[in-house]
């Protein structure tokens, strides 16, 4: 079955249009389903600026449907992965809103810290949403949610989710490695791990402060000594002090 968006039978006026070449300004004719075209004047090839690549960014059949995906779409595909991982995390935890809320807060902090630190957003955010995904199996097998059991069970569940969503092997390995020791930093760590670690610590401290209260002086000591990145400390002070 042909995608209705590509079938000319369903096309409306305006499905064929001209776009100025970003290099020389000459008009280049595009059909609405053209992913990219080459300028007949300067030979510069550029992506169709009016094409909606939304479904192509996550559909596993995208390359069969519209041909070789342009680099911009491949980048978007990896960026959108984090949103699909967030959905899968919520489905997995079902009505466990406490854990869903925790993962969401960790992702929010991780995104801010990671942007400032220059980490890899897809790795950091997928790890943030899935870092505690092993809790369910840990409780089933061991009757405990201790960190060591989370770290033991988490990578298996995370790998299944990521591979099912079509994540690239290097991303899968990086995320699973972080999950496998996310409470226990090694002597030398990747920036992506450090960002996730600090984001998780902020979310945990938020919860502790809400439940038991922590004096600002003690909180400052924790922030100064226990965080792994400078921007993690900045985010922590904004969130936890005052």
Protein backbone atom coordinates (compact mmCIF):
# COMPACT_ATOMS: atom_id res chain seq x y z
CA UNK A 1 0.00 0.00 0.00
CA UNK A 2 1.35 3.42 -0.95
CA UNK A 3 1.44 6.14 1.68
CA UNK A 4 -1.49 8.52 0.90
CA UNK A 5 0.81 11.46 1.42
CA UNK A 6 2.90 10.29 -1.54
CA UNK A 7 0.09 9.16 -3.83
CA UNK A 8 -0.52 11.95 -6.40
CA UNK A 9 -4.20 10.95 -6.46
CA UNK A 10 -4.56 12.69 -3.08
CA UNK A 11 -2.45 15.74 -3.88
CA UNK A 12 -3.95 19.21 -3.66
CA UNK A 13 -2.97 22.46 -5.40
CA UNK A 14 0.45 23.57 -4.21
CA UNK A 15 1.93 20.07 -4.17
CA UNK A 16 4.47 21.24 -6.79
CA UNK A 17 6.31 24.44 -5.99
CA UNK A 18 9.55 26.34 -6.43
CA UNK A 19 12.12 27.00 -3.72
CA UNK A 20 15.10 29.37 -4.00
CA UNK A 21 18.46 27.64 -3.84
CA UNK A 22 20.21 28.60 -0.57
CA UNK A 23 23.52 28.91 -2.43
CA UNK A 24 22.75 30.88 -5.59
CA UNK A 25 19.10 31.92 -5.27
CA UNK A 26 17.93 30.20 -8.46
CA UNK A 27 14.44 28.65 -8.34
CA UNK A 28 14.39 24.88 -7.92
CA UNK A 29 11.18 22.95 -8.60
CA UNK A 30 10.11 20.50 -5.91
CA UNK A 31 7.35 17.94 -5.76
CA UNK A 32 6.07 17.81 -2.19
CA UNK A 33 7.42 14.26 -1.72
CA UNK A 34 10.95 15.11 -2.94
CA UNK A 35 13.34 14.73 -0.01
CA UNK A 36 16.06 16.73 -1.76
CA UNK A 37 16.90 18.16 -5.17
CA UNK A 38 19.95 19.53 -6.95
CA UNK A 39 19.97 23.11 -8.17
CA UNK A 40 20.22 23.09 -12.00
CA UNK A 41 22.29 26.27 -11.90
CA UNK A 42 24.98 25.76 -9.25
CA UNK A 43 24.48 21.98 -8.67
CA UNK A 44 24.05 22.44 -4.92
CA UNK A 45 21.89 19.67 -3.45
CA UNK A 46 19.62 20.66 -0.57
CA UNK A 47 16.76 19.24 1.50
CA UNK A 48 13.16 20.11 0.63
CA UNK A 49 12.40 22.84 3.23
CA UNK A 50 8.63 22.30 2.96
CA UNK A 51 8.59 18.55 3.50
CA UNK A 52 7.31 17.21 6.81
CA UNK A 53 9.74 14.50 7.92
CA UNK A 54 7.86 13.82 11.15
CA UNK A 55 6.89 10.22 10.45
CA UNK A 56 10.18 9.51 8.66
CA UNK A 57 12.05 10.44 11.79
CA UNK A 58 10.73 7.42 13.66
CA UNK A 59 9.22 4.98 11.11
CA UNK A 60 11.33 1.85 10.57
CA UNK A 61 10.20 1.74 6.92
CA UNK A 62 11.11 5.35 6.17
CA UNK A 63 14.01 4.60 3.85
CA UNK A 64 11.87 2.22 1.79
CA UNK A 65 9.13 4.83 1.66
CA UNK A 66 11.06 7.98 0.70
CA UNK A 67 14.47 6.69 -0.29
CA UNK A 68 17.78 7.50 1.39
CA UNK A 69 17.08 9.82 4.28
CA UNK A 70 18.95 13.14 4.29
CA UNK A 71 21.36 13.83 7.13
CA UNK A 72 18.97 16.31 8.75
CA UNK A 73 16.32 13.60 9.08
CA UNK A 74 18.78 11.08 10.49
CA UNK A 75 19.70 13.60 13.20
CA UNK A 76 16.01 14.23 13.89
CA UNK A 77 15.40 10.49 14.08
CA UNK A 78 17.93 10.11 16.88
CA UNK A 79 16.60 13.21 18.63
CA UNK A 80 13.02 11.89 18.55
CA UNK A 81 14.14 8.57 20.03
CA UNK A 82 14.22 10.11 23.50
CA UNK A 83 10.52 11.00 23.24
CA UNK A 84 9.61 7.45 22.27
CA UNK A 85 11.76 6.10 25.11
CA UNK A 86 9.88 8.37 27.52
CA UNK A 87 6.59 6.88 26.32
CA UNK A 88 7.90 3.32 26.71
CA UNK A 89 9.14 4.12 30.22
CA UNK A 90 5.65 5.32 31.19
CA UNK A 91 4.06 2.22 29.69
CA UNK A 92 6.50 -0.01 31.55
CA UNK A 93 5.91 1.59 34.95
CA UNK A 94 2.16 1.75 34.24
CA UNK A 95 0.47 3.38 37.25
CA UNK A 96 3.67 3.82 39.27
CA UNK A 97 3.49 7.59 39.06
CA UNK A 98 6.23 8.12 41.65
CA UNK A 99 8.82 6.40 39.47
CA UNK A 100 7.50 7.99 36.30
CA UNK A 101 7.76 11.39 37.97
CA UNK A 102 11.28 10.68 39.19
CA UNK A 103 12.50 9.63 35.74
CA UNK A 104 10.89 12.68 34.19
CA UNK A 105 12.58 15.02 36.68
CA UNK A 106 15.94 13.34 36.09
CA UNK A 107 15.51 13.83 32.34
CA UNK A 108 14.63 17.50 32.82
CA UNK A 109 17.73 18.14 34.93
CA UNK A 110 19.90 16.02 32.63
CA UNK A 111 18.81 18.01 29.59
CA UNK A 112 19.80 21.30 31.22
CA UNK A 113 23.10 20.02 32.59
CA UNK A 114 23.94 18.17 29.40
CA UNK A 115 23.28 21.19 27.21
CA UNK A 116 25.64 23.29 29.31
CA UNK A 117 28.29 20.56 29.53
CA UNK A 118 28.16 19.56 25.86
CA UNK A 119 27.21 15.92 26.38
CA UNK A 120 25.44 13.61 23.90
CA UNK A 121 21.69 14.43 24.27
CA UNK A 122 20.20 11.14 22.96
CA UNK A 123 22.44 9.04 25.20
CA UNK A 124 21.93 11.20 28.29
CA UNK A 125 18.16 11.53 27.92
CA UNK A 126 17.54 7.86 27.07
CA UNK A 127 19.64 6.92 30.10
CA UNK A 128 17.71 9.40 32.23
CA UNK A 129 14.34 7.93 31.30
CA UNK A 130 15.55 4.34 31.71
CA UNK A 131 18.07 4.54 34.56
CA UNK A 132 15.71 2.96 37.11
CA UNK A 133 13.95 0.63 34.68
CA UNK A 134 15.42 -2.42 36.46
CA UNK A 135 13.46 -1.77 39.66
CA UNK A 136 10.45 -3.84 38.59
CA UNK A 137 12.51 -6.97 37.90
CA UNK A 138 14.65 -6.37 40.98
CA UNK A 139 11.58 -6.37 43.19
CA UNK A 140 10.18 -9.45 41.48
CA UNK A 141 13.39 -11.48 41.78
CA UNK A 142 14.90 -10.21 45.02
CA UNK A 143 12.09 -8.40 46.81
CA UNK A 144 14.32 -5.36 46.88
CA UNK A 145 14.95 -2.16 44.93
CA UNK A 146 18.52 -1.79 46.17
CA UNK A 147 20.88 -0.07 43.75
CA UNK A 148 22.89 -3.21 42.99
CA UNK A 149 19.78 -5.08 41.88
CA UNK A 150 18.55 -2.14 39.79
CA UNK A 151 21.91 -1.99 38.06
CA UNK A 152 21.91 -5.74 37.49
CA UNK A 153 18.44 -5.97 35.97
CA UNK A 154 18.15 -2.59 34.26
CA UNK A 155 20.36 -3.07 31.19
CA UNK A 156 18.40 -6.10 29.97
CA UNK A 157 15.10 -4.25 30.05
CA UNK A 158 16.61 -1.07 28.59
CA UNK A 159 18.26 -2.97 25.75
CA UNK A 160 14.98 -4.61 24.76
CA UNK A 161 13.21 -1.24 24.67
CA UNK A 162 15.95 0.54 22.73
CA UNK A 163 16.44 -2.22 20.17
CA UNK A 164 12.70 -2.48 19.61
CA UNK A 165 12.64 1.25 18.89
CA UNK A 166 15.46 0.90 16.37
CA UNK A 167 18.22 2.63 18.32
CA UNK A 168 21.70 2.33 16.86
CA UNK A 169 24.02 -0.20 18.58
CA UNK A 170 26.53 2.41 19.88
CA UNK A 171 23.72 4.32 21.59
CA UNK A 172 22.26 1.13 23.05
CA UNK A 173 25.65 0.12 24.47
CA UNK A 174 26.34 3.57 25.91
CA UNK A 175 22.94 3.80 27.61
CA UNK A 176 23.08 0.25 29.00
CA UNK A 177 26.59 0.84 30.35
CA UNK A 178 25.41 3.92 32.24
CA UNK A 179 22.38 2.10 33.65
CA UNK A 180 24.55 -0.83 34.77
CA UNK A 181 26.42 1.33 37.29
CA UNK A 182 24.47 4.58 37.53
CA UNK A 183 24.75 4.71 41.33
CA UNK A 184 28.45 3.82 41.36
CA UNK A 185 30.85 6.08 39.42
CA UNK A 186 34.04 4.48 38.19
CA UNK A 187 37.42 6.11 38.73
CA UNK A 188 37.23 7.53 35.21
CA UNK A 189 33.82 8.32 33.75
CA UNK A 190 32.31 9.57 30.50
CA UNK A 191 30.72 13.00 30.41
CA UNK A 192 27.35 11.40 29.62
CA UNK A 193 27.55 9.32 32.81
CA UNK A 194 28.51 12.35 34.90
CA UNK A 195 25.55 14.35 33.59
CA UNK A 196 23.10 11.53 34.33
CA UNK A 197 24.62 10.94 37.76
CA UNK A 198 24.29 14.58 38.77
CA UNK A 199 20.73 14.81 37.42
CA UNK A 200 19.70 11.70 39.34
CA UNK A 201 21.30 13.03 42.52
CA UNK A 202 19.38 16.31 42.20
CA UNK A 203 16.07 14.46 41.79
CA UNK A 204 16.85 12.24 44.79
CA UNK A 205 17.78 15.23 46.92
CA UNK A 206 14.58 17.00 45.87
CA UNK A 207 12.62 14.05 47.18
CA UNK A 208 14.61 13.89 50.42
CA UNK A 209 14.18 17.61 51.01
CA UNK A 210 10.43 17.36 50.46
CA UNK A 211 10.06 14.39 52.80
CA UNK A 212 12.49 15.20 55.60
CA UNK A 213 13.88 18.67 55.03
CA UNK A 214 17.60 19.36 54.62
CA UNK A 215 19.27 22.50 55.90
CA UNK A 216 20.82 24.70 53.21
CA UNK A 217 24.25 24.44 54.83
CA UNK A 218 24.19 20.66 54.68
CA UNK A 219 22.81 20.76 51.13
CA UNK A 220 25.64 23.04 50.01
CA UNK A 221 28.18 20.60 51.45
CA UNK A 222 26.60 17.73 49.50
CA UNK A 223 26.56 19.78 46.29
CA UNK A 224 30.18 20.83 46.68
CA UNK A 225 31.50 17.34 47.43
CA UNK A 226 29.24 14.82 45.71
CA UNK A 227 28.55 16.23 42.25
CA UNK A 228 30.66 15.37 39.22
CA UNK A 229 30.12 18.37 36.92
CA UNK A 230 30.23 22.11 37.42
CA UNK A 231 26.91 22.61 35.67
CA UNK A 232 25.43 19.85 37.80
CA UNK A 233 26.37 21.91 40.85
CA UNK A 234 24.85 25.02 39.28
CA UNK A 235 21.60 23.20 38.52
CA UNK A 236 21.57 21.72 42.02
CA UNK A 237 21.95 25.10 43.70
CA UNK A 238 19.16 26.58 41.58
CA UNK A 239 16.86 23.68 42.40
CA UNK A 240 17.70 22.85 45.99
CA UNK A 241 18.84 25.97 47.83
CA UNK A 242 16.67 28.70 49.19
